[in-house]
Amino acid sequence: MPNGGFCRLPGGSVVVAIGLPSPAGDGATVRFLVHAANRARALTRLRNLGLRAVYLRGNTEPPTPDEITAVLHHPEGLLWRATAQELWHPIRSLPKAPAA
């Protein structure tokens, strides 16, 4: 089960933070941040990127204030990073799974 959570903003939108296995298949965990109108739309945005088994059950690791600020200031509202020490990356730079 993925670890993550959400935070409802004063305007009614939400920021969802969720840790998922890397799409590159290297065994790493990638933390995704998504800003959307509601939780269902945030998870749909991730599913549309090819991350099919994305579910958020519970609110064990909600986004931190720094993560909320990062995703709100990004034009796409969708970021990722593999480790806590690296900077946030736009979703278009996410490594793809190797072709079989």
Protein backbone atom coordinates (compact mmCIF):
# COMPACT_ATOMS: atom_id res chain seq x y z
CA MET A 1 0.00 0.00 0.00
CA PRO A 2 1.44 3.39 -0.94
CA ASN A 3 2.25 5.83 1.80
CA GLY A 4 0.86 9.30 1.44
CA GLY A 5 -1.79 11.74 2.37
CA PHE A 6 -3.54 14.92 1.41
CA CYS A 7 -4.18 18.44 2.63
CA ARG A 8 -7.28 20.48 1.84
CA LEU A 9 -6.46 24.12 1.05
CA PRO A 10 -8.61 27.10 2.08
CA GLY A 11 -9.81 27.55 -1.52
CA GLY A 12 -11.27 24.04 -1.60
CA SER A 13 -8.56 22.37 -3.71
CA VAL A 14 -6.26 19.65 -2.36
CA VAL A 15 -2.60 18.74 -2.48
CA VAL A 16 -1.93 15.01 -2.52
CA ALA A 17 1.48 13.56 -1.65
CA ILE A 18 2.03 9.89 -2.35
CA GLY A 19 5.02 7.56 -2.45
CA LEU A 20 4.99 4.99 -5.26
CA PRO A 21 7.49 2.59 -6.82
CA SER A 22 9.58 4.25 -9.51
CA PRO A 23 8.21 3.83 -13.06
CA ALA A 24 11.78 3.11 -14.18
CA GLY A 25 11.57 -0.23 -12.36
CA ASP A 26 14.77 0.31 -10.37
CA GLY A 27 13.18 -0.50 -7.01
CA ALA A 28 13.30 3.08 -5.73
CA THR A 29 10.36 4.92 -4.22
CA VAL A 30 9.30 8.20 -5.78
CA ARG A 31 7.28 10.85 -3.92
CA PHE A 32 4.68 12.57 -6.11
CA LEU A 33 2.92 15.85 -5.35
CA VAL A 34 -0.31 16.69 -7.14
CA HIS A 35 -2.46 19.82 -6.89
CA ALA A 36 -6.04 19.29 -8.06
CA ALA A 37 -9.65 20.24 -7.36
CA ASN A 38 -10.21 17.09 -5.26
CA ARG A 39 -8.50 13.82 -4.28
CA ALA A 40 -10.12 11.80 -7.04
CA ARG A 41 -8.87 14.19 -9.73
CA ALA A 42 -5.38 14.20 -8.25
CA LEU A 43 -5.19 10.41 -8.39
CA THR A 44 -6.66 10.42 -11.91
CA ARG A 45 -3.85 12.74 -13.03
CA LEU A 46 -1.32 10.15 -11.81
CA ARG A 47 -3.20 7.25 -13.42
CA ASN A 48 -3.23 9.12 -16.73
CA LEU A 49 0.57 9.19 -16.61
CA GLY A 50 0.67 5.39 -16.62
CA LEU A 51 0.78 4.83 -12.86
CA ARG A 52 -2.27 2.58 -12.94
CA ALA A 53 -2.42 1.17 -9.41
CA VAL A 54 -2.66 4.47 -7.54
CA TYR A 55 -4.90 4.49 -4.48
CA LEU A 56 -4.79 6.67 -1.38
CA ARG A 57 -6.05 4.98 1.74
CA GLY A 58 -5.67 7.05 4.86
CA ASN A 59 -3.65 10.13 5.57
CA THR A 60 -0.47 8.70 7.09
CA GLU A 61 2.05 11.02 5.40
CA PRO A 62 0.33 14.27 4.38
CA PRO A 63 2.31 16.86 2.42
CA THR A 64 4.55 19.13 4.45
CA PRO A 65 4.20 22.92 4.21
CA ASP A 66 7.34 23.01 2.02
CA GLU A 67 5.84 20.42 -0.35
CA ILE A 68 2.58 22.37 -0.56
CA THR A 69 4.48 25.54 -1.42
CA ALA A 70 6.53 23.73 -4.08
CA VAL A 71 3.52 22.28 -5.90
CA LEU A 72 1.46 25.49 -5.68
CA HIS A 73 4.27 27.48 -7.29
CA HIS A 74 4.72 25.05 -10.18
CA PRO A 75 2.65 25.78 -13.31
CA GLU A 76 1.73 22.12 -13.92
CA GLY A 77 0.89 21.35 -10.28
CA LEU A 78 2.57 17.95 -10.56
CA LEU A 79 6.06 17.24 -9.19
CA TRP A 80 8.21 14.28 -8.15
CA ARG A 81 11.49 13.43 -6.45
CA ALA A 82 13.22 10.19 -5.59
CA THR A 83 14.98 11.19 -2.36
CA ALA A 84 14.43 13.85 0.25
CA GLN A 85 17.80 15.43 -0.52
CA GLU A 86 17.17 16.20 -4.19
CA LEU A 87 15.14 19.04 -5.67
CA TRP A 88 11.63 18.62 -7.07
CA HIS A 89 11.35 17.75 -10.77
CA PRO A 90 8.53 18.46 -13.23
CA ILE A 91 6.59 15.37 -14.24
CA ARG A 92 7.85 15.46 -17.84
CA SER A 93 11.35 14.56 -16.57
CA LEU A 94 10.15 11.32 -14.90
CA PRO A 95 12.16 8.34 -16.19
CA LYS A 96 10.13 5.88 -18.22
CA ALA A 97 10.06 2.12 -17.79
CA PRO A 98 12.48 0.28 -20.09
CA ALA A 99 10.85 -1.16 -23.21
CA ALA A 100 10.36 -4.90 -23.10
